[in-house]
Amino acid sequence: MKALLSYVKQNRFEVVFFSILFLFSVFLFWKTFRLDQDGNILIATKVWSDFSATIPLIRSFSFGSNFPPEYPIFAGPPIKYHFVFFALVGLIEKTGIPLHFALNGLSIVSFFSLLIFIYILAKTVFKKKAIGYLSVILFLFNSSFSFLEFFKRSPLSSKTILEIIQNKNFPSFGPYDGKTVSAFWNLNIYTNQRHLAFAYAAFLFLIYVIYLSAQKPKRLTLNKSLLLGLLIGLFPLIHFPVFGMMGMTLILSVALFPKIGKKVILIGLIAIIIAAPQILYMYLQPQGTGGITFRPGYLVENLNLVNFISYWFLNLGLTLILAPLGFILAKREQRKIFIPFLILFILGNLFQFSVEIAANHKFFNLSTIGLNMFTAYFIYKIWTINKLGKVSSLLLILPLTLSGLIDLFPIINDTHMTVEDIPNNKTAYFILRNTPKDSAFLNATYLYDPASLAGRNIYLGWPYFAWSAGYNSTTRYNKMKNILSASDKNIACQALLKEGLNYLETQNPTSLEGITVNHSFYDDNFIKIFYDKDKQISIYDIDLSCM
């Protein structure tokens, strides 16, 4: 206790800064997801789409029996998506803790840990708290030039501050709105992808350990090496892309820090041994789509040198200039930390690592964390020159953070959509109480289907999610279409049983795009075990009907 009080007394500003970061983390995640007083789910509109895949994954572990794991919105094949974060949330909910406490609690800890590791790594490498503080600020408030789009829409005036505070839309959301600045720089990426912050925090922890060990090699003992190898080896199930980034970092570290090269090799070997079965199970399946392909330029249109530089200048802003300047001013050992982040940036611009090129944002979000540290170092060096340097530093911070400040208010001002949850959702409640936990449903809706809310696997959720995870959603969609429009019981039963389905849901009218449901056929030929009159949802028992 005395040691803690002594630390607080000597580091009051640091403690206040950490406290603000924690409160901000609480606000960020509680604002975007929670339960209302009636137990229904309130989801911010800007995370609505992604959470239609997140909630089924969580519920498959809390209310279902998803082992060996399947992707709950693509029932049948082994899971191809890193699921451990959401499985842990599900297990927490299973103990009786409400869903919003389980998900937000783990999200808050993960995001707060990321902020702390950004601070610690920057402070350790550059030996200045101020650089740590500024690195965190640059992370929270992105340096893109998306503010130019905001001022195109709302020119500078006496109302500008009010317009920023009342803003409800991201000024630029490329490539989805046709604009150049990416959608992936604002904090919406962390409120949507709740597992991302934890993965990035772990990556920074690895960089931190390697950097400290390179200064004093004896710190990296055999036991620590074994433990670190084990932790990295578990990452294919936690976040597979970051696992690859960690592997790349270990390879680089052998060359960058030869004094600990042998121990780093040992860490890598242990990680490979632990990770290999996971990779074989999850990612090397014969069915599905995806793979690594040479795809230079990321989202740059009409790729050439001028367009490439223009794209990244608009997306990184002054960071594209200041980070290299910080690298030049840094000491030799400090420069080595820059290399892994630079390689991530290069790899993301050369290769496509999944079926969707936009998913490469994971490389750039992480690389900019490192670039921000060197930008912060450059600004600090300018600050220490003279009074003019201090003024110049403050003037540089404004364009480096203005877009991030503007991007914060659409999250603050976002509204919520309501999903009826158990027990208010009659269909979901029936499914939870009357069907086996490991049963699979041919679903009536793509988004927030009652079977998904009850923790059961469904045949095909929103096809984009299955496709982006590497599954062949087109083939499954066509099968679903044929089954639901069937008029021959033998053919329908054969198809349903072949796909491993136990129950069939229908809703009249259907919300499944491009699909016609033969309601009278299923009413006449299949055993109906539930009907929700208000929502016109029917559930049929396939096993009983097709005996």
Protein backbone atom coordinates (compact mmCIF):
# COMPACT_ATOMS: atom_id res chain seq x y z
CA MET A 1 0.00 0.00 0.00
CA LYS A 2 2.85 2.39 0.85
CA ALA A 3 4.47 1.64 -2.50
CA LEU A 4 1.20 2.41 -4.30
CA LEU A 5 0.68 5.68 -2.42
CA SER A 6 4.29 6.63 -3.14
CA TYR A 7 3.78 5.96 -6.86
CA VAL A 8 0.59 8.04 -6.93
CA LYS A 9 2.32 10.91 -5.14
CA GLN A 10 5.28 10.90 -7.50
CA ASN A 11 3.28 10.33 -10.69
CA ARG A 12 0.08 12.31 -10.17
CA PHE A 13 -0.28 13.40 -13.77
CA GLU A 14 0.28 9.85 -15.01
CA VAL A 15 -2.39 8.55 -12.63
CA VAL A 16 -4.86 11.23 -13.75
CA PHE A 17 -4.06 10.44 -17.39
CA PHE A 18 -4.64 6.71 -16.86
CA SER A 19 -7.89 7.44 -15.02
CA ILE A 20 -9.15 9.55 -17.91
CA LEU A 21 -8.22 6.80 -20.38
CA PHE A 22 -10.11 4.23 -18.32
CA LEU A 23 -13.22 6.39 -18.06
CA PHE A 24 -13.06 7.07 -21.77
CA SER A 25 -12.83 3.32 -22.45
CA VAL A 26 -15.89 2.71 -20.29
CA PHE A 27 -17.83 5.41 -22.11
CA LEU A 28 -16.80 4.22 -25.59
CA PHE A 29 -18.04 0.67 -25.19
CA TRP A 30 -21.01 1.30 -22.94
CA LYS A 31 -22.26 3.95 -25.36
CA THR A 32 -22.31 1.52 -28.29
CA PHE A 33 -23.81 -1.57 -26.63
CA ARG A 34 -25.95 -2.30 -23.57
CA LEU A 35 -29.20 -3.84 -22.35
CA ASP A 36 -32.21 -1.72 -21.45
CA GLN A 37 -34.23 -2.04 -18.27
CA ASP A 38 -36.51 -4.62 -19.93
CA GLY A 39 -33.59 -6.85 -20.89
CA ASN A 40 -33.63 -6.00 -24.60
CA ILE A 41 -30.40 -5.34 -26.48
CA LEU A 42 -29.57 -1.75 -27.45
CA ILE A 43 -27.05 -1.60 -30.29
CA ALA A 44 -25.62 1.61 -31.75
CA THR A 45 -26.46 1.96 -35.42
CA LYS A 46 -22.78 2.14 -36.36
CA VAL A 47 -22.11 -1.32 -34.89
CA TRP A 48 -25.47 -2.84 -35.85
CA SER A 49 -24.17 -4.74 -38.85
CA ASP A 50 -21.05 -6.28 -37.27
CA PHE A 51 -22.88 -7.24 -34.11
CA SER A 52 -25.28 -9.40 -36.11
CA ALA A 53 -22.29 -11.77 -36.36
CA THR A 54 -20.84 -11.00 -32.92
CA ILE A 55 -23.95 -11.80 -30.85
CA PRO A 56 -24.53 -15.24 -32.45
CA LEU A 57 -20.89 -16.13 -31.84
CA ILE A 58 -21.11 -15.16 -28.16
CA ARG A 59 -24.46 -16.87 -27.63
CA SER A 60 -23.24 -20.10 -29.25
CA PHE A 61 -20.98 -20.46 -26.22
CA SER A 62 -23.24 -19.04 -23.50
CA PHE A 63 -26.57 -20.64 -24.50
CA GLY A 64 -25.45 -23.22 -27.05
CA SER A 65 -22.99 -26.10 -27.16
CA ASN A 66 -20.55 -24.97 -29.83
CA PHE A 67 -17.81 -27.57 -29.52
CA PRO A 68 -15.97 -28.46 -31.61
CA PRO A 69 -16.49 -24.85 -32.69
CA GLU A 70 -18.46 -23.98 -35.82
CA TYR A 71 -19.17 -20.52 -37.19
CA PRO A 72 -22.70 -20.11 -35.76
CA ILE A 73 -24.00 -18.25 -38.82
CA PHE A 74 -22.64 -20.96 -41.16
CA ALA A 75 -23.50 -24.23 -39.41
CA GLY A 76 -21.61 -27.39 -40.28
CA PRO A 77 -17.93 -26.90 -41.18
CA PRO A 78 -15.23 -26.21 -38.58
CA ILE A 79 -14.92 -22.56 -37.64
CA LYS A 80 -12.59 -20.42 -39.77
CA TYR A 81 -12.78 -17.36 -37.54
CA HIS A 82 -10.70 -16.53 -34.46
CA PHE A 83 -13.28 -16.96 -31.72
CA VAL A 84 -11.59 -17.09 -28.30
CA PHE A 85 -12.41 -13.51 -27.24
CA PHE A 86 -16.12 -14.05 -27.93
CA ALA A 87 -16.08 -17.54 -26.43
CA LEU A 88 -14.73 -16.02 -23.23
CA VAL A 89 -17.54 -13.43 -23.26
CA GLY A 90 -20.02 -16.27 -23.75
CA LEU A 91 -18.59 -18.25 -20.87
CA ILE A 92 -18.82 -15.17 -18.64
CA GLU A 93 -22.48 -14.72 -19.61
CA LYS A 94 -23.03 -18.42 -18.93
CA THR A 95 -22.11 -17.84 -15.28
CA GLY A 96 -25.12 -15.50 -14.97
CA ILE A 97 -23.43 -12.17 -15.64
CA PRO A 98 -25.54 -10.06 -18.07
CA LEU A 99 -24.35 -9.92 -21.65
CA HIS A 100 -23.51 -6.21 -21.65
CA PHE A 101 -21.33 -6.56 -18.55
CA ALA A 102 -19.57 -9.57 -20.06
CA LEU A 103 -18.89 -8.04 -23.48
CA ASN A 104 -18.27 -4.45 -22.41
CA GLY A 105 -16.16 -5.50 -19.43
CA LEU A 106 -13.76 -7.52 -21.56
CA SER A 107 -13.78 -4.82 -24.27
CA ILE A 108 -12.93 -2.10 -21.75
CA VAL A 109 -10.06 -4.08 -20.26
CA SER A 110 -8.70 -4.85 -23.74
CA PHE A 111 -8.91 -1.30 -25.07
CA PHE A 112 -7.55 0.23 -21.87
CA SER A 113 -4.66 -2.27 -21.97
CA LEU A 114 -3.90 -1.22 -25.54
CA LEU A 115 -3.75 2.44 -24.50
CA ILE A 116 -1.48 1.60 -21.57
CA PHE A 117 0.90 -0.44 -23.73
CA ILE A 118 1.10 2.36 -26.30
CA TYR A 119 2.12 4.69 -23.49
CA ILE A 120 4.55 2.25 -21.86
CA LEU A 121 6.26 1.25 -25.10
CA ALA A 122 6.70 4.86 -26.28
CA LYS A 123 7.91 5.99 -22.86
CA THR A 124 10.34 3.07 -22.59
CA VAL A 125 11.82 3.44 -26.08
CA PHE A 126 12.19 7.23 -26.00
CA LYS A 127 12.60 7.61 -22.22
CA LYS A 128 10.11 10.47 -21.98
CA LYS A 129 6.62 10.39 -20.49
CA ALA A 130 5.56 13.24 -22.77
CA ILE A 131 6.17 11.05 -25.83
CA GLY A 132 4.06 8.32 -24.25
CA TYR A 133 1.20 10.74 -23.60
CA LEU A 134 1.33 12.16 -27.11
CA SER A 135 1.51 8.69 -28.71
CA VAL A 136 -1.77 7.78 -27.00
CA ILE A 137 -3.41 11.03 -28.07
CA LEU A 138 -2.31 10.53 -31.68
CA PHE A 139 -3.77 7.03 -31.57
CA LEU A 140 -7.14 8.19 -30.23
CA PHE A 141 -7.43 11.10 -32.68
CA ASN A 142 -6.36 9.97 -36.14
CA SER A 143 -4.18 12.14 -38.35
CA SER A 144 -6.04 11.67 -41.65
CA PHE A 145 -7.26 14.59 -43.73
CA SER A 146 -10.90 13.54 -43.46
CA PHE A 147 -11.54 16.92 -41.82
CA LEU A 148 -11.26 18.40 -45.32
CA GLU A 149 -14.39 16.47 -46.26
CA PHE A 150 -16.13 17.82 -43.17
CA PHE A 151 -15.31 21.41 -44.11
CA LYS A 152 -16.48 20.82 -47.66
CA ARG A 153 -19.86 19.97 -46.20
CA SER A 154 -19.74 22.53 -43.39
CA PRO A 155 -17.48 25.48 -44.30
CA LEU A 156 -15.66 27.30 -41.51
CA SER A 157 -17.92 29.74 -39.73
CA SER A 158 -18.92 30.96 -36.29
CA LYS A 159 -20.97 27.75 -35.99
CA THR A 160 -18.09 25.36 -36.72
CA ILE A 161 -17.55 24.19 -33.13
CA LEU A 162 -21.27 23.57 -32.69
CA GLU A 163 -21.41 21.70 -36.02
CA ILE A 164 -18.54 19.46 -34.93
CA ILE A 165 -20.22 18.72 -31.60
CA GLN A 166 -23.55 17.93 -33.29
CA ASN A 167 -22.01 15.88 -36.11
CA LYS A 168 -23.62 12.44 -36.58
CA ASN A 169 -21.78 11.11 -39.63
CA PHE A 170 -18.16 10.30 -40.36
CA PRO A 171 -16.94 12.85 -42.95
CA SER A 172 -15.21 10.12 -44.95
CA PHE A 173 -15.95 6.41 -44.92
CA GLY A 174 -13.94 5.02 -47.85
CA PRO A 175 -14.19 2.90 -49.82
CA TYR A 176 -17.88 2.41 -48.89
CA ASP A 177 -18.97 6.01 -49.57
CA GLY A 178 -16.72 6.50 -52.61
CA LYS A 179 -14.30 8.79 -50.77
CA THR A 180 -10.55 8.38 -50.46
CA VAL A 181 -9.99 8.53 -46.71
CA SER A 182 -10.58 5.12 -45.17
CA ALA A 183 -13.38 4.18 -42.79
CA PHE A 184 -10.89 2.35 -40.62
CA TRP A 185 -9.09 5.22 -38.87
CA ASN A 186 -11.81 6.26 -36.43
CA LEU A 187 -12.54 4.49 -33.15
CA ASN A 188 -15.58 2.83 -34.69
CA ILE A 189 -13.24 0.04 -35.76
CA TYR A 190 -12.66 -0.87 -32.10
CA THR A 191 -16.30 -0.62 -31.04
CA ASN A 192 -17.21 -2.96 -33.91
CA GLN A 193 -14.31 -5.42 -33.73
CA ARG A 194 -14.17 -5.88 -29.97
CA HIS A 195 -11.34 -8.44 -30.12
CA LEU A 196 -8.97 -6.19 -32.06
CA ALA A 197 -7.71 -4.07 -29.17
CA PHE A 198 -6.71 -7.12 -27.14
CA ALA A 199 -4.73 -8.52 -30.08
CA TYR A 200 -2.93 -5.22 -30.67
CA ALA A 201 -2.14 -4.89 -26.97
CA ALA A 202 -0.55 -8.35 -27.06
CA PHE A 203 1.51 -7.38 -30.12
CA LEU A 204 2.83 -4.25 -28.35
CA PHE A 205 3.61 -6.36 -25.30
CA LEU A 206 5.73 -8.64 -27.49
CA ILE A 207 7.61 -5.64 -28.94
CA TYR A 208 8.10 -4.31 -25.41
CA VAL A 209 9.52 -7.59 -24.10
CA ILE A 210 11.86 -7.98 -27.07
CA TYR A 211 13.11 -4.39 -26.77
CA LEU A 212 13.79 -4.67 -23.02
CA SER A 213 15.41 -8.08 -23.44
CA ALA A 214 17.71 -6.72 -26.15
CA GLN A 215 18.95 -4.11 -23.68
CA LYS A 216 19.56 -6.72 -21.00
CA PRO A 217 19.54 -10.24 -22.56
CA LYS A 218 19.59 -11.98 -19.17
CA ARG A 219 16.05 -10.73 -18.55
CA LEU A 220 14.73 -13.13 -21.14
CA THR A 221 15.09 -16.35 -19.17
CA LEU A 222 14.28 -19.81 -20.47
CA ASN A 223 11.01 -19.91 -18.52
CA LYS A 224 9.95 -16.53 -19.89
CA SER A 225 10.81 -17.68 -23.41
CA LEU A 226 8.70 -20.82 -22.99
CA LEU A 227 5.77 -18.84 -21.61
CA LEU A 228 5.98 -16.23 -24.38
CA GLY A 229 6.10 -18.96 -27.03
CA LEU A 230 3.03 -20.58 -25.50
CA LEU A 231 1.07 -17.31 -25.47
CA ILE A 232 1.95 -16.51 -29.08
CA GLY A 233 1.12 -20.08 -30.08
CA LEU A 234 -2.47 -19.63 -28.87
CA PHE A 235 -3.07 -16.62 -31.10
CA PRO A 236 -4.49 -18.33 -34.19
CA LEU A 237 -7.63 -18.85 -32.10
CA ILE A 238 -7.47 -15.31 -30.65
CA HIS A 239 -6.61 -13.26 -33.74
CA PHE A 240 -5.03 -15.05 -36.67
CA PRO A 241 -3.74 -11.98 -38.61
CA VAL A 242 -2.00 -10.67 -35.49
CA PHE A 243 -0.50 -14.13 -34.98
CA GLY A 244 1.07 -13.74 -38.43
CA MET A 245 2.29 -10.26 -37.50
CA MET A 246 3.86 -11.66 -34.34
CA GLY A 247 5.61 -14.34 -36.39
CA MET A 248 6.98 -11.69 -38.73
CA THR A 249 8.22 -9.70 -35.73
CA LEU A 250 10.03 -12.71 -34.29
CA ILE A 251 11.81 -13.30 -37.60
CA LEU A 252 12.85 -9.65 -37.80
CA SER A 253 14.00 -9.69 -34.17
CA VAL A 254 16.52 -12.44 -34.84
CA ALA A 255 18.28 -10.06 -37.25
CA LEU A 256 17.63 -6.81 -35.36
CA PHE A 257 18.60 -8.08 -31.92
CA PRO A 258 21.22 -10.83 -32.41
CA LYS A 259 22.08 -10.94 -28.69
CA ILE A 260 18.72 -12.62 -28.00
CA GLY A 261 18.48 -14.33 -31.39
CA LYS A 262 18.63 -17.90 -30.06
CA LYS A 263 15.93 -17.26 -27.46
CA VAL A 264 13.72 -15.60 -30.07
CA ILE A 265 14.12 -18.68 -32.30
CA LEU A 266 13.10 -20.85 -29.34
CA ILE A 267 10.02 -18.68 -28.79
CA GLY A 268 9.12 -19.04 -32.45
CA LEU A 269 9.54 -22.83 -32.46
CA ILE A 270 7.31 -23.23 -29.41
CA ALA A 271 4.71 -20.93 -30.97
CA ILE A 272 4.68 -22.96 -34.21
CA ILE A 273 4.29 -26.25 -32.34
CA ILE A 274 1.34 -24.88 -30.35
CA ALA A 275 -0.24 -23.09 -33.31
CA ALA A 276 0.05 -25.81 -35.96
CA PRO A 277 -2.99 -27.91 -34.90
CA GLN A 278 -5.13 -24.77 -34.67
CA ILE A 279 -4.13 -23.62 -38.15
CA LEU A 280 -4.79 -27.07 -39.62
CA TYR A 281 -8.23 -27.18 -37.99
CA MET A 282 -9.37 -23.65 -38.77
CA TYR A 283 -7.69 -22.38 -41.88
CA LEU A 284 -6.48 -25.22 -44.11
CA GLN A 285 -9.85 -26.73 -44.94
CA PRO A 286 -10.54 -27.91 -48.48
CA GLN A 287 -13.81 -25.97 -48.74
CA GLY A 288 -14.07 -22.22 -48.68
CA THR A 289 -12.38 -19.27 -50.30
CA GLY A 290 -9.48 -16.98 -49.53
CA GLY A 291 -5.69 -17.19 -49.40
CA ILE A 292 -2.76 -14.82 -49.81
CA THR A 293 -2.43 -13.15 -53.21
CA PHE A 294 -0.17 -10.47 -54.64
CA ARG A 295 -2.34 -7.35 -54.73
CA PRO A 296 -0.28 -4.13 -54.67
CA GLY A 297 -1.77 -0.79 -53.77
CA TYR A 298 -4.46 -1.69 -51.22
CA LEU A 299 -7.44 0.58 -52.01
CA VAL A 300 -5.55 2.97 -54.28
CA GLU A 301 -7.44 3.52 -57.53
CA ASN A 302 -5.51 3.63 -60.83
CA LEU A 303 -2.32 2.59 -59.06
CA ASN A 304 0.77 4.61 -59.85
CA LEU A 305 3.34 6.40 -57.71
CA VAL A 306 1.49 9.72 -57.63
CA ASN A 307 -1.85 8.15 -56.74
CA PHE A 308 -0.20 5.91 -54.12
CA ILE A 309 1.47 8.85 -52.36
CA SER A 310 -1.69 10.95 -52.65
CA TYR A 311 -3.83 8.18 -51.13
CA TRP A 312 -1.58 7.67 -48.14
CA PHE A 313 -1.02 11.37 -47.60
CA LEU A 314 -4.78 11.88 -47.35
CA ASN A 315 -5.14 8.86 -45.06
CA LEU A 316 -2.12 9.39 -42.79
CA GLY A 317 -1.92 13.14 -43.00
CA LEU A 318 1.27 14.71 -41.66
CA THR A 319 2.20 11.39 -40.05
CA LEU A 320 3.45 10.28 -43.49
CA ILE A 321 6.08 13.04 -43.25
CA LEU A 322 6.72 13.41 -39.53
CA ALA A 323 7.17 9.72 -38.65
CA PRO A 324 10.13 9.29 -41.07
CA LEU A 325 11.62 12.53 -39.69
CA GLY A 326 11.28 11.11 -36.20
CA PHE A 327 13.00 7.95 -37.40
CA ILE A 328 15.93 10.01 -38.73
CA LEU A 329 16.31 11.86 -35.41
CA ALA A 330 16.03 8.70 -33.29
CA LYS A 331 18.96 6.71 -31.97
CA ARG A 332 20.06 3.45 -33.57
CA GLU A 333 18.37 1.16 -31.02
CA GLN A 334 15.17 3.21 -31.12
CA ARG A 335 15.04 2.95 -34.92
CA LYS A 336 14.86 -0.84 -34.71
CA ILE A 337 11.39 -0.61 -33.17
CA PHE A 338 10.24 1.28 -36.27
CA ILE A 339 11.08 -1.64 -38.59
CA PRO A 340 8.28 -4.11 -37.65
CA PHE A 341 5.64 -1.39 -38.04
CA LEU A 342 7.12 -0.32 -41.39
CA ILE A 343 7.10 -3.93 -42.63
CA LEU A 344 3.42 -4.24 -41.68
CA PHE A 345 2.71 -1.15 -43.77
CA ILE A 346 4.63 -2.59 -46.72
CA LEU A 347 2.98 -6.02 -46.50
CA GLY A 348 -0.49 -4.49 -46.37
CA ASN A 349 0.29 -2.60 -49.56
CA LEU A 350 1.67 -5.62 -51.42
CA PHE A 351 -0.57 -8.56 -50.59
CA GLN A 352 -4.22 -9.41 -50.03
CA PHE A 353 -4.54 -11.72 -47.03
CA SER A 354 -8.25 -12.59 -47.23
CA VAL A 355 -11.13 -12.54 -49.68
CA GLU A 356 -11.68 -8.84 -49.00
CA ILE A 357 -8.84 -6.39 -49.66
CA ALA A 358 -10.35 -3.86 -47.22
CA ALA A 359 -9.59 -6.33 -44.40
CA ASN A 360 -5.92 -5.37 -44.81
CA HIS A 361 -6.79 -2.43 -42.58
CA LYS A 362 -5.62 -4.59 -39.67
CA PHE A 363 -2.04 -4.16 -40.89
CA PHE A 364 -2.38 -0.41 -41.24
CA ASN A 365 -4.17 0.20 -37.94
CA LEU A 366 -1.34 -1.54 -36.14
CA SER A 367 1.46 0.01 -38.21
CA THR A 368 0.17 3.53 -37.51
CA ILE A 369 0.51 2.91 -33.77
CA GLY A 370 4.26 2.61 -34.31
CA LEU A 371 4.34 5.52 -36.75
CA ASN A 372 2.56 7.68 -34.17
CA MET A 373 5.31 7.03 -31.65
CA PHE A 374 7.96 8.38 -34.00
CA THR A 375 5.70 11.30 -34.92
CA ALA A 376 5.37 12.06 -31.20
CA TYR A 377 9.15 11.84 -30.84
CA PHE A 378 9.66 14.34 -33.67
CA ILE A 379 7.15 16.78 -32.16
CA TYR A 380 8.87 16.46 -28.78
CA LYS A 381 12.26 17.22 -30.32
CA ILE A 382 10.84 20.31 -32.01
CA TRP A 383 9.27 21.37 -28.69
CA THR A 384 12.65 21.30 -26.91
CA ILE A 385 14.43 23.61 -29.37
CA ASN A 386 13.10 27.03 -28.34
CA LYS A 387 9.88 29.04 -27.98
CA LEU A 388 9.33 28.96 -31.74
CA GLY A 389 9.67 25.18 -31.56
CA LYS A 390 6.97 25.02 -28.89
CA VAL A 391 4.61 27.06 -31.03
CA SER A 392 5.42 24.92 -34.07
CA SER A 393 4.73 21.72 -32.08
CA LEU A 394 1.32 22.96 -31.00
CA LEU A 395 0.48 23.98 -34.56
CA LEU A 396 1.44 20.49 -35.78
CA ILE A 397 -0.76 18.74 -33.22
CA LEU A 398 -3.92 20.44 -34.53
CA PRO A 399 -3.97 18.82 -38.04
CA LEU A 400 -2.72 15.57 -36.50
CA THR A 401 -5.78 15.27 -34.25
CA LEU A 402 -8.58 17.31 -35.82
CA SER A 403 -10.03 14.47 -37.92
CA GLY A 404 -10.04 12.17 -34.92
CA LEU A 405 -11.85 14.79 -32.85
CA ILE A 406 -14.50 15.24 -35.55
CA ASP A 407 -14.81 11.44 -35.91
CA LEU A 408 -15.49 11.05 -32.19
CA PHE A 409 -18.83 12.87 -32.21
CA PRO A 410 -20.66 10.52 -34.62
CA ILE A 411 -20.03 7.84 -31.98
CA ILE A 412 -21.14 10.11 -29.14
CA ASN A 413 -24.26 11.21 -31.05
CA ASP A 414 -25.17 7.78 -32.38
CA THR A 415 -28.66 6.39 -31.74
CA HIS A 416 -29.55 2.81 -30.82
CA MET A 417 -31.59 0.06 -32.39
CA THR A 418 -33.42 -2.45 -30.21
CA VAL A 419 -33.27 -6.23 -30.49
CA GLU A 420 -35.85 -8.14 -28.45
CA ASP A 421 -33.90 -10.59 -26.35
CA ILE A 422 -34.88 -13.57 -24.24
CA PRO A 423 -37.40 -13.81 -22.58
CA ASN A 424 -39.19 -10.97 -24.45
CA ASN A 425 -38.50 -12.69 -27.76
CA LYS A 426 -41.07 -15.53 -27.76
CA THR A 427 -39.45 -17.49 -30.58
CA ALA A 428 -35.95 -17.29 -29.13
CA TYR A 429 -37.29 -18.24 -25.70
CA PHE A 430 -39.05 -21.29 -27.14
CA ILE A 431 -35.91 -22.37 -28.97
CA LEU A 432 -33.79 -21.95 -25.86
CA ARG A 433 -36.17 -24.04 -23.73
CA ASN A 434 -37.25 -26.70 -26.21
CA THR A 435 -34.37 -27.56 -28.55
CA PRO A 436 -31.00 -29.26 -27.94
CA LYS A 437 -28.09 -26.87 -27.48
CA ASP A 438 -26.19 -28.31 -30.43
CA SER A 439 -29.09 -28.21 -32.90
CA ALA A 440 -28.85 -26.41 -36.24
CA PHE A 441 -31.59 -24.27 -37.82
CA LEU A 442 -32.45 -23.31 -41.34
CA ASN A 443 -33.07 -19.71 -40.37
CA ALA A 444 -35.93 -17.36 -41.24
CA THR A 445 -33.88 -14.14 -41.11
CA TYR A 446 -30.27 -13.17 -41.74
CA LEU A 447 -29.78 -10.68 -38.90
CA TYR A 448 -30.40 -11.41 -35.22
CA ASP A 449 -32.39 -14.54 -35.98
CA PRO A 450 -34.20 -15.94 -32.90
CA ALA A 451 -32.19 -19.17 -33.16
CA SER A 452 -28.96 -17.15 -33.03
CA LEU A 453 -30.14 -15.24 -29.95
CA ALA A 454 -30.84 -18.61 -28.33
CA GLY A 455 -27.32 -19.82 -29.06
CA ARG A 456 -28.17 -22.26 -31.84
CA ASN A 457 -26.22 -22.44 -35.09
CA ILE A 458 -28.02 -21.27 -38.21
CA TYR A 459 -27.56 -22.34 -41.80
CA LEU A 460 -26.65 -18.96 -43.31
CA GLY A 461 -26.51 -15.58 -41.64
CA TRP A 462 -25.86 -12.42 -43.63
CA PRO A 463 -23.82 -13.85 -46.56
CA TYR A 464 -21.16 -11.13 -46.40
CA PHE A 465 -19.93 -12.33 -43.02
CA ALA A 466 -19.60 -15.96 -44.10
CA TRP A 467 -17.94 -14.90 -47.35
CA SER A 468 -15.46 -12.59 -45.60
CA ALA A 469 -14.57 -15.38 -43.15
CA GLY A 470 -13.65 -17.63 -46.07
CA TYR A 471 -16.79 -19.73 -46.56
CA ASN A 472 -18.56 -20.34 -49.86
CA SER A 473 -21.72 -18.41 -49.06
CA THR A 474 -22.94 -18.38 -52.67
CA THR A 475 -23.29 -22.16 -52.86
CA ARG A 476 -25.03 -22.27 -49.51
CA TYR A 477 -27.40 -19.46 -50.49
CA ASN A 478 -28.45 -21.40 -53.59
CA LYS A 479 -29.07 -24.52 -51.52
CA MET A 480 -31.13 -22.49 -49.04
CA LYS A 481 -33.14 -21.01 -51.89
CA ASN A 482 -33.90 -24.44 -53.36
CA ILE A 483 -34.90 -25.92 -49.99
CA LEU A 484 -37.28 -23.13 -49.04
CA SER A 485 -39.01 -23.15 -52.42
CA ALA A 486 -39.29 -26.97 -52.51
CA SER A 487 -42.58 -28.72 -53.36
CA ASP A 488 -41.47 -32.35 -53.01
CA LYS A 489 -41.11 -33.72 -49.47
CA ASN A 490 -38.56 -36.39 -50.33
CA ILE A 491 -36.32 -33.88 -52.07
CA ALA A 492 -36.71 -31.35 -49.25
CA CYS A 493 -35.98 -33.93 -46.54
CA GLN A 494 -32.99 -35.30 -48.40
CA ALA A 495 -31.50 -31.81 -48.74
CA LEU A 496 -32.25 -30.78 -45.13
CA LEU A 497 -30.81 -33.94 -43.60
CA LYS A 498 -27.76 -33.85 -45.87
CA GLU A 499 -26.99 -30.36 -44.58
CA GLY A 500 -27.22 -31.56 -40.96
CA LEU A 501 -30.22 -29.40 -40.08
CA ASN A 502 -32.60 -30.22 -37.23
CA TYR A 503 -35.17 -27.45 -37.44
CA LEU A 504 -36.58 -25.11 -40.07
CA GLU A 505 -37.83 -21.58 -39.45
CA THR A 506 -40.04 -19.60 -41.80
CA GLN A 507 -41.47 -16.12 -41.59
CA ASN A 508 -44.33 -14.75 -43.66
CA PRO A 509 -43.46 -12.53 -45.43
CA THR A 510 -39.81 -13.55 -45.65
CA SER A 511 -36.99 -11.03 -45.32
CA LEU A 512 -34.53 -13.28 -47.15
CA GLU A 513 -33.64 -11.42 -50.33
CA GLY A 514 -34.26 -13.27 -53.59
CA ILE A 515 -35.81 -16.28 -51.84
CA THR A 516 -39.38 -17.52 -52.13
CA VAL A 517 -40.69 -19.66 -49.28
CA ASN A 518 -43.31 -22.31 -50.06
CA HIS A 519 -45.21 -21.80 -46.80
CA SER A 520 -48.19 -23.99 -47.68
CA PHE A 521 -45.90 -26.89 -48.60
CA TYR A 522 -44.17 -26.89 -45.23
CA ASP A 523 -47.45 -26.37 -43.36
CA ASP A 524 -48.96 -29.40 -45.10
CA ASN A 525 -45.96 -31.74 -45.00
CA PHE A 526 -43.83 -30.89 -41.95
CA ILE A 527 -44.55 -31.04 -38.23
CA LYS A 528 -44.89 -27.54 -36.82
CA ILE A 529 -43.77 -27.29 -33.19
CA PHE A 530 -44.08 -23.52 -32.69
CA TYR A 531 -45.89 -20.55 -34.16
CA ASP A 532 -45.49 -16.87 -33.21
CA LYS A 533 -48.70 -15.19 -34.36
CA ASP A 534 -47.38 -11.65 -33.90
CA LYS A 535 -44.27 -12.11 -36.03
CA GLN A 536 -45.60 -14.87 -38.28
CA ILE A 537 -42.68 -17.17 -37.47
CA SER A 538 -43.10 -20.95 -37.71
CA ILE A 539 -40.69 -23.66 -36.57
CA TYR A 540 -40.77 -27.18 -38.01
CA ASP A 541 -39.05 -30.25 -36.61
CA ILE A 542 -37.03 -31.73 -39.46
CA ASP A 543 -36.04 -34.93 -37.65
CA LEU A 544 -39.67 -35.79 -36.83
CA SER A 545 -40.98 -34.71 -40.22
CA CYS A 546 -38.44 -36.68 -42.24
CA MET A 547 -38.50 -39.97 -40.32
